[in-house]
C-alpha atoms as a PDB file:
ATOM      1  CA  MET A   1       0.000   0.000   0.000  1.00  0.00           C
ATOM      2  CA  TYR A   2       1.065   3.535  -0.707  1.00  0.00           C
ATOM      3  CA  ARG A   3       0.574   6.609   1.433  1.00  0.00           C
ATOM      4  CA  THR A   4       0.073   9.820  -0.526  1.00  0.00           C
ATOM      5  CA  HIS A   5      -1.149  13.358  -0.090  1.00  0.00           C
ATOM      6  CA  ILE A   6      -4.600  14.123  -1.527  1.00  0.00           C
ATOM      7  CA  SER A   7      -3.074  16.464  -4.136  1.00  0.00           C
ATOM      8  CA  LYS A   8      -0.967  13.603  -5.507  1.00  0.00           C
ATOM      9  CA  ILE A   9      -3.730  11.002  -5.778  1.00  0.00           C
ATOM     10  CA  SER A  10      -3.099   8.720  -8.751  1.00  0.00           C
ATOM     11  CA  SER A  11      -6.667   8.388  -9.929  1.00  0.00           C
ATOM     12  CA  GLN A  12      -9.599  10.704  -9.387  1.00  0.00           C
ATOM     13  CA  GLU A  13     -11.761   7.739 -10.385  1.00  0.00           C
ATOM     14  CA  SER A  14     -10.639   5.886  -7.255  1.00  0.00           C
ATOM     15  CA  LEU A  15     -11.966   8.791  -5.164  1.00  0.00           C
ATOM     16  CA  VAL A  16     -15.347   8.604  -6.896  1.00  0.00           C
ATOM     17  CA  LYS A  17     -15.560   4.846  -6.245  1.00  0.00           C
ATOM     18  CA  PHE A  18     -14.614   5.166  -2.556  1.00  0.00           C
ATOM     19  CA  ASP A  19     -17.367   4.021  -0.180  1.00  0.00           C
ATOM     20  CA  CYS A  20     -16.789   3.618   3.540  1.00  0.00           C
ATOM     21  CA  GLY A  21     -20.468   3.202   4.343  1.00  0.00           C
ATOM     22  CA  GLU A  22     -20.865   6.727   5.774  1.00  0.00           C
ATOM     23  CA  PRO A  23     -22.278   9.119   3.129  1.00  0.00           C
ATOM     24  CA  THR A  24     -20.920  12.290   4.791  1.00  0.00           C
ATOM     25  CA  VAL A  25     -17.405  10.824   4.940  1.00  0.00           C
ATOM     26  CA  ASN A  26     -17.604   9.673   1.307  1.00  0.00           C
ATOM     27  CA  ARG A  27     -18.846  13.102   0.221  1.00  0.00           C
ATOM     28  CA  PHE A  28     -16.002  14.840   2.055  1.00  0.00           C
ATOM     29  CA  LEU A  29     -13.339  12.727   0.332  1.00  0.00           C
ATOM     30  CA  ARG A  30     -14.922  12.995  -3.111  1.00  0.00           C
ATOM     31  CA  GLU A  31     -15.965  16.639  -3.078  1.00  0.00           C
ATOM     32  CA  ARG A  32     -14.208  18.627  -0.377  1.00  0.00           C
ATOM     33  CA  ALA A  33     -10.949  17.022   0.781  1.00  0.00           C
ATOM     34  CA  ALA A  34      -8.690  18.491  -1.916  1.00  0.00           C
ATOM     35  CA  TRP A  35     -10.326  21.919  -1.590  1.00  0.00           C
ATOM     36  CA  ALA A  36     -10.126  21.946   2.230  1.00  0.00           C
ATOM     37  CA  ASP A  37      -6.495  20.899   1.977  1.00  0.00           C
ATOM     38  CA  GLN A  38      -5.717  23.646  -0.532  1.00  0.00           C
ATOM     39  CA  LEU A  39      -7.299  26.218   1.801  1.00  0.00           C
ATOM     40  CA  GLY A  40      -5.203  24.943   4.714  1.00  0.00           C
ATOM     41  CA  GLN A  41      -8.245  23.866   6.733  1.00  0.00           C
ATOM     42  CA  THR A  42      -7.137  20.257   6.917  1.00  0.00           C
ATOM     43  CA  SER A  43      -4.432  17.997   5.525  1.00  0.00           C
ATOM     44  CA  ALA A  44      -5.704  14.855   3.815  1.00  0.00           C
ATOM     45  CA  THR A  45      -3.668  11.674   3.443  1.00  0.00           C
ATOM     46  CA  VAL A  46      -4.795   8.771   1.276  1.00  0.00           C
ATOM     47  CA  LEU A  47      -3.772   5.125   1.526  1.00  0.00           C
ATOM     48  CA  GLU A  48      -3.899   3.573  -1.943  1.00  0.00           C
ATOM     49  CA  ALA A  49      -3.700  -0.102  -2.923  1.00  0.00           C
ATOM     50  CA  LYS A  50      -0.486  -1.239  -4.613  1.00  0.00           C
ATOM     51  CA  ASP A  51      -2.041  -0.940  -8.066  1.00  0.00           C
ATOM     52  CA  LYS A  52      -3.118   2.619  -7.141  1.00  0.00           C
ATOM     53  CA  ARG A  53      -6.631   1.994  -8.497  1.00  0.00           C
ATOM     54  CA  VAL A  54      -8.330   1.706  -5.132  1.00  0.00           C
ATOM     55  CA  VAL A  55      -8.379   4.091  -2.184  1.00  0.00           C
ATOM     56  CA  VAL A  56      -8.046   1.788   0.834  1.00  0.00           C
ATOM     57  CA  GLY A  57      -8.720   4.614   3.262  1.00  0.00           C
ATOM     58  CA  PHE A  58      -7.910   8.177   4.156  1.00  0.00           C
ATOM     59  CA  TYR A  59      -7.636  10.580   7.037  1.00  0.00           C
ATOM     60  CA  ALA A  60      -7.646  14.338   7.399  1.00  0.00           C
ATOM     61  CA  LEU A  61      -5.946  16.192  10.248  1.00  0.00           C
ATOM     62  CA  SER A  62      -5.991  19.751  11.495  1.00  0.00           C
ATOM     63  CA  ALA A  63      -4.493  21.765  14.308  1.00  0.00           C
ATOM     64  CA  SER A  64      -6.947  22.125  17.138  1.00  0.00           C
ATOM     65  CA  ILE A  65      -7.375  22.666  20.818  1.00  0.00           C
ATOM     66  CA  VAL A  66      -8.736  20.291  23.386  1.00  0.00           C
ATOM     67  CA  GLU A  67     -10.803  21.963  26.058  1.00  0.00           C
ATOM     68  CA  VAL A  68     -10.835  20.977  29.709  1.00  0.00           C
ATOM     69  CA  GLN A  69     -14.498  21.711  30.433  1.00  0.00           C
ATOM     70  CA  SER A  70     -15.430  19.612  33.443  1.00  0.00           C
ATOM     71  CA  ALA A  71     -14.250  17.723  36.488  1.00  0.00           C
ATOM     72  CA  TYR A  72     -14.300  14.606  34.281  1.00  0.00           C
ATOM     73  CA  ASP A  73     -11.798  16.284  31.918  1.00  0.00           C
ATOM     74  CA  ALA A  74      -9.713  17.505  34.861  1.00  0.00           C
ATOM     75  CA  GLN A  75      -9.121  13.855  35.821  1.00  0.00           C
ATOM     76  CA  ILE A  76      -7.850  13.086  32.319  1.00  0.00           C
ATOM     77  CA  PHE A  77      -5.569  16.141  32.271  1.00  0.00           C
ATOM     78  CA  ARG A  78      -4.610  16.251  35.960  1.00  0.00           C
ATOM     79  CA  ASN A  79      -0.879  16.154  35.103  1.00  0.00           C
ATOM     80  CA  LEU A  80      -1.311  19.439  33.164  1.00  0.00           C
ATOM     81  CA  LEU A  81      -3.332  21.281  35.776  1.00  0.00           C
ATOM     82  CA  ASP A  82      -1.671  22.843  38.779  1.00  0.00           C
ATOM     83  CA  ASP A  83      -3.833  22.248  41.882  1.00  0.00           C
ATOM     84  CA  SER A  84      -7.445  23.267  41.138  1.00  0.00           C
ATOM     85  CA  SER A  85      -6.760  25.930  38.525  1.00  0.00           C
ATOM     86  CA  TRP A  86      -9.411  24.384  36.270  1.00  0.00           C
ATOM     87  CA  LEU A  87     -12.085  25.451  38.764  1.00  0.00           C
ATOM     88  CA  SER A  88     -11.371  29.146  38.229  1.00  0.00           C
ATOM     89  CA  GLN A  89     -11.912  29.078  34.472  1.00  0.00           C
ATOM     90  CA  ALA A  90     -14.875  27.855  32.482  1.00  0.00           C
ATOM     91  CA  VAL A  91     -12.677  26.265  29.803  1.00  0.00           C
ATOM     92  CA  ILE A  92      -8.936  25.631  29.615  1.00  0.00           C
ATOM     93  CA  PRO A  93      -7.586  25.073  26.062  1.00  0.00           C
ATOM     94  CA  TYR A  94      -4.554  22.917  25.207  1.00  0.00           C
ATOM     95  CA  PRO A  95      -2.968  22.333  21.771  1.00  0.00           C
ATOM     96  CA  ALA A  96      -3.927  19.118  20.013  1.00  0.00           C
ATOM     97  CA  ILE A  97      -4.284  17.516  16.613  1.00  0.00           C
ATOM     98  CA  GLU A  98      -7.788  16.656  15.469  1.00  0.00           C
ATOM     99  CA  ILE A  99      -8.713  13.762  13.235  1.00  0.00           C
ATOM    100  CA  THR A 100     -11.328  15.626  11.248  1.00  0.00           C
ATOM    101  CA  TRP A 101     -12.147  12.757   8.876  1.00  0.00           C
ATOM    102  CA  LEU A 102     -11.238   9.076   8.638  1.00  0.00           C
ATOM    103  CA  GLY A 103     -12.678   6.361   6.440  1.00  0.00           C
ATOM    104  CA  VAL A 104     -11.832   2.896   5.147  1.00  0.00           C
ATOM    105  CA  GLU A 105     -13.285   1.424   1.960  1.00  0.00           C
ATOM    106  CA  ARG A 106     -16.219  -0.764   3.020  1.00  0.00           C
ATOM    107  CA  SER A 107     -14.934  -3.863   1.198  1.00  0.00           C
ATOM    108  CA  LEU A 108     -11.581  -3.498   3.007  1.00  0.00           C
ATOM    109  CA  GLN A 109     -12.895  -2.939   6.534  1.00  0.00           C
ATOM    110  CA  ASN A 110     -12.122  -5.410   9.344  1.00  0.00           C
ATOM    111  CA  GLN A 111      -8.699  -6.069   7.819  1.00  0.00           C
ATOM    112  CA  LYS A 112      -6.690  -3.750  10.113  1.00  0.00           C
ATOM    113  CA  ASN A 113      -6.679  -0.923   7.543  1.00  0.00           C
ATOM    114  CA  GLY A 114      -8.263   1.503  10.015  1.00  0.00           C
ATOM    115  CA  THR A 115      -5.592   0.589  12.546  1.00  0.00           C
ATOM    116  CA  LYS A 116      -2.899   1.214   9.903  1.00  0.00           C
ATOM    117  CA  LEU A 117      -4.356   4.674   9.319  1.00  0.00           C
ATOM    118  CA  ILE A 118      -4.397   5.466  13.044  1.00  0.00           C
ATOM    119  CA  LEU A 119      -0.809   4.236  13.465  1.00  0.00           C
ATOM    120  CA  ASP A 120       0.205   6.472  10.563  1.00  0.00           C
ATOM    121  CA  ILE A 121      -1.534   9.378  12.302  1.00  0.00           C
ATOM    122  CA  PHE A 122       0.325   8.547  15.513  1.00  0.00           C
ATOM    123  CA  GLU A 123       3.627   8.561  13.618  1.00  0.00           C
ATOM    124  CA  GLN A 124       2.877  11.917  11.955  1.00  0.00           C
ATOM    125  CA  VAL A 125       1.822  13.480  15.265  1.00  0.00           C
ATOM    126  CA  LEU A 126       5.032  12.293  16.954  1.00  0.00           C
ATOM    127  CA  ILE A 127       7.056  13.825  14.119  1.00  0.00           C
ATOM    128  CA  ALA A 128       5.200  17.125  14.590  1.00  0.00           C
ATOM    129  CA  ARG A 129       5.720  16.982  18.347  1.00  0.00           C
ATOM    130  CA  PHE A 130       9.357  15.911  18.581  1.00  0.00           C
ATOM    131  CA  LYS A 131      11.039  16.663  15.249  1.00  0.00           C
ATOM    132  CA  LEU A 132       9.227  19.910  14.509  1.00  0.00           C
ATOM    133  CA  ASN A 133       8.915  20.820  18.205  1.00  0.00           C
ATOM    134  CA  ILE A 134       5.215  21.688  17.971  1.00  0.00           C
ATOM    135  CA  GLY A 135       3.320  21.707  21.248  1.00  0.00           C
ATOM    136  CA  ILE A 136       0.740  18.920  21.173  1.00  0.00           C
ATOM    137  CA  ILE A 137      -0.781  17.171  24.179  1.00  0.00           C
ATOM    138  CA  GLY A 138      -2.670  14.566  22.168  1.00  0.00           C
ATOM    139  CA  ILE A 139      -5.144  13.716  19.461  1.00  0.00           C
ATOM    140  CA  GLN A 140      -8.882  14.271  19.515  1.00  0.00           C
ATOM    141  CA  VAL A 141     -11.676  12.971  17.343  1.00  0.00           C
ATOM    142  CA  ALA A 142     -15.451  13.345  17.133  1.00  0.00           C
ATOM    143  CA  ALA A 143     -16.224   9.631  16.781  1.00  0.00           C
ATOM    144  CA  LEU A 144     -19.345   8.369  15.073  1.00  0.00           C
ATOM    145  CA  PRO A 145     -21.327   5.933  17.248  1.00  0.00           C
ATOM    146  CA  GLY A 146     -20.296   2.964  15.087  1.00  0.00           C
ATOM    147  CA  ALA A 147     -16.602   3.796  15.564  1.00  0.00           C
ATOM    148  CA  LEU A 148     -16.496   4.144  19.374  1.00  0.00           C
ATOM    149  CA  GLU A 149     -15.185   0.644  20.032  1.00  0.00           C
ATOM    150  CA  PHE A 150     -12.564   1.020  17.277  1.00  0.00           C
ATOM    151  CA  TYR A 151     -11.144   4.178  18.878  1.00  0.00           C
ATOM    152  CA  GLN A 152     -11.352   2.778  22.414  1.00  0.00           C
ATOM    153  CA  GLN A 153      -9.355  -0.292  21.373  1.00  0.00           C
ATOM    154  CA  LEU A 154      -6.654   2.067  20.113  1.00  0.00           C
ATOM    155  CA  GLY A 155      -6.393   3.953  23.423  1.00  0.00           C
ATOM    156  CA  PHE A 156      -8.816   6.840  22.942  1.00  0.00           C
ATOM    157  CA  GLU A 157     -11.070   7.806  25.843  1.00  0.00           C
ATOM    158  CA  TYR A 158     -14.133  10.002  26.132  1.00  0.00           C
ATOM    159  CA  LEU A 159     -13.847  13.737  26.685  1.00  0.00           C
ATOM    160  CA  HIS A 160     -16.211  15.775  28.871  1.00  0.00           C
ATOM    161  CA  ALA A 161     -18.195  12.781  30.251  1.00  0.00           C
ATOM    162  CA  ASP A 162     -18.203   8.999  30.482  1.00  0.00           C
ATOM    163  CA  TYR A 163     -20.783   8.434  27.771  1.00  0.00           C
ATOM    164  CA  ASP A 164     -21.042   4.747  28.662  1.00  0.00           C
ATOM    165  CA  THR A 165     -22.731   5.789  31.911  1.00  0.00           C
ATOM    166  CA  VAL A 166     -24.535   8.941  30.743  1.00  0.00           C
ATOM    167  CA  PRO A 167     -27.921   8.330  29.113  1.00  0.00           C
ATOM    168  CA  ALA A 168     -27.194  10.375  26.000  1.00  0.00           C
ATOM    169  CA  ILE A 169     -27.201   9.476  22.350  1.00  0.00           C
ATOM    170  CA  LEU A 170     -25.055  11.861  20.345  1.00  0.00           C
ATOM    171  CA  GLU A 171     -24.297  12.222  16.638  1.00  0.00           C
ATOM    172  CA  THR A 172     -20.583  12.142  17.497  1.00  0.00           C
ATOM    173  CA  TYR A 173     -18.687  11.470  20.711  1.00  0.00           C
ATOM    174  CA  PRO A 174     -15.665  13.571  21.661  1.00  0.00           C
ATOM    175  CA  MET A 175     -12.670  11.317  22.294  1.00  0.00           C
ATOM    176  CA  PHE A 176      -9.008  11.916  23.081  1.00  0.00           C
ATOM    177  CA  ILE A 177      -5.698  10.094  23.397  1.00  0.00           C
ATOM    178  CA  LYS A 178      -2.780  11.618  25.288  1.00  0.00           C
ATOM    179  CA  ILE A 179       0.576  12.001  23.569  1.00  0.00           C
ATOM    180  CA  GLU A 180       2.103   9.830  26.325  1.00  0.00           C
ATOM    181  CA  VAL A 181      -0.251   6.984  25.408  1.00  0.00           C
ATOM    182  CA  VAL A 182       0.621   7.400  21.717  1.00  0.00           C
ATOM    183  CA  ILE A 183       4.329   7.169  22.601  1.00  0.00           C
ATOM    184  CA  GLU A 184       3.758   4.009  24.661  1.00  0.00           C
ATOM    185  CA  ILE A 185       1.744   2.351  21.880  1.00  0.00           C
ATOM    186  CA  MET A 186       4.391   3.156  19.294  1.00  0.00           C
ATOM    187  CA  LYS A 187       7.198   1.927  21.593  1.00  0.00           C
ATOM    188  CA  ARG A 188       5.288  -1.294  22.234  1.00  0.00           C
ATOM    189  CA  LEU A 189       5.006  -1.771  18.486  1.00  0.00           C
ATOM    190  CA  LYS A 190       8.636  -0.646  18.112  1.00  0.00           C
ATOM    191  CA  LEU A 191       7.597   2.117  15.717  1.00  0.00           C
ATOM    192  CA  ALA A 192       8.835   5.085  17.765  1.00  0.00           C
END
């Protein structure tokens, strides 16, 4: 498989054929990814099959902030907060990378391709953090309900509330993984 930037995609036809099962994700890749990338809103990376005729999957990243909004968040970020400083402010922002879009071709799902994309994201975020010296405390994502277990298995946890215990059904669920957890995962896999 080949990793490429959206602007260097081999075949526009492969973008049109892409179907991850989520119409909004498909539409973003087909119609908006290159434009959003050109505007600097997001950076899209595509994983193509060896023959470069099929888009296996893609992700788009952007700079973001993660907000400590609640006592639940304060527990996640306790190593960043001095004493109870979070109580004096409504929201405390920290620099992060956001996975704005991620999709895997439906016919290629459940074959570890999503995990490959996430590991590639982890690698790129570690490069930004340690080679480019950009302040990043972790990665956040607004996960679709069908992707919660996928992200949890990769080390992401809920932001703002434990949605497993809160009787709420959301369109997306805010999730986060700390940079320290990313480092540990990559070391365990001997990729860092």
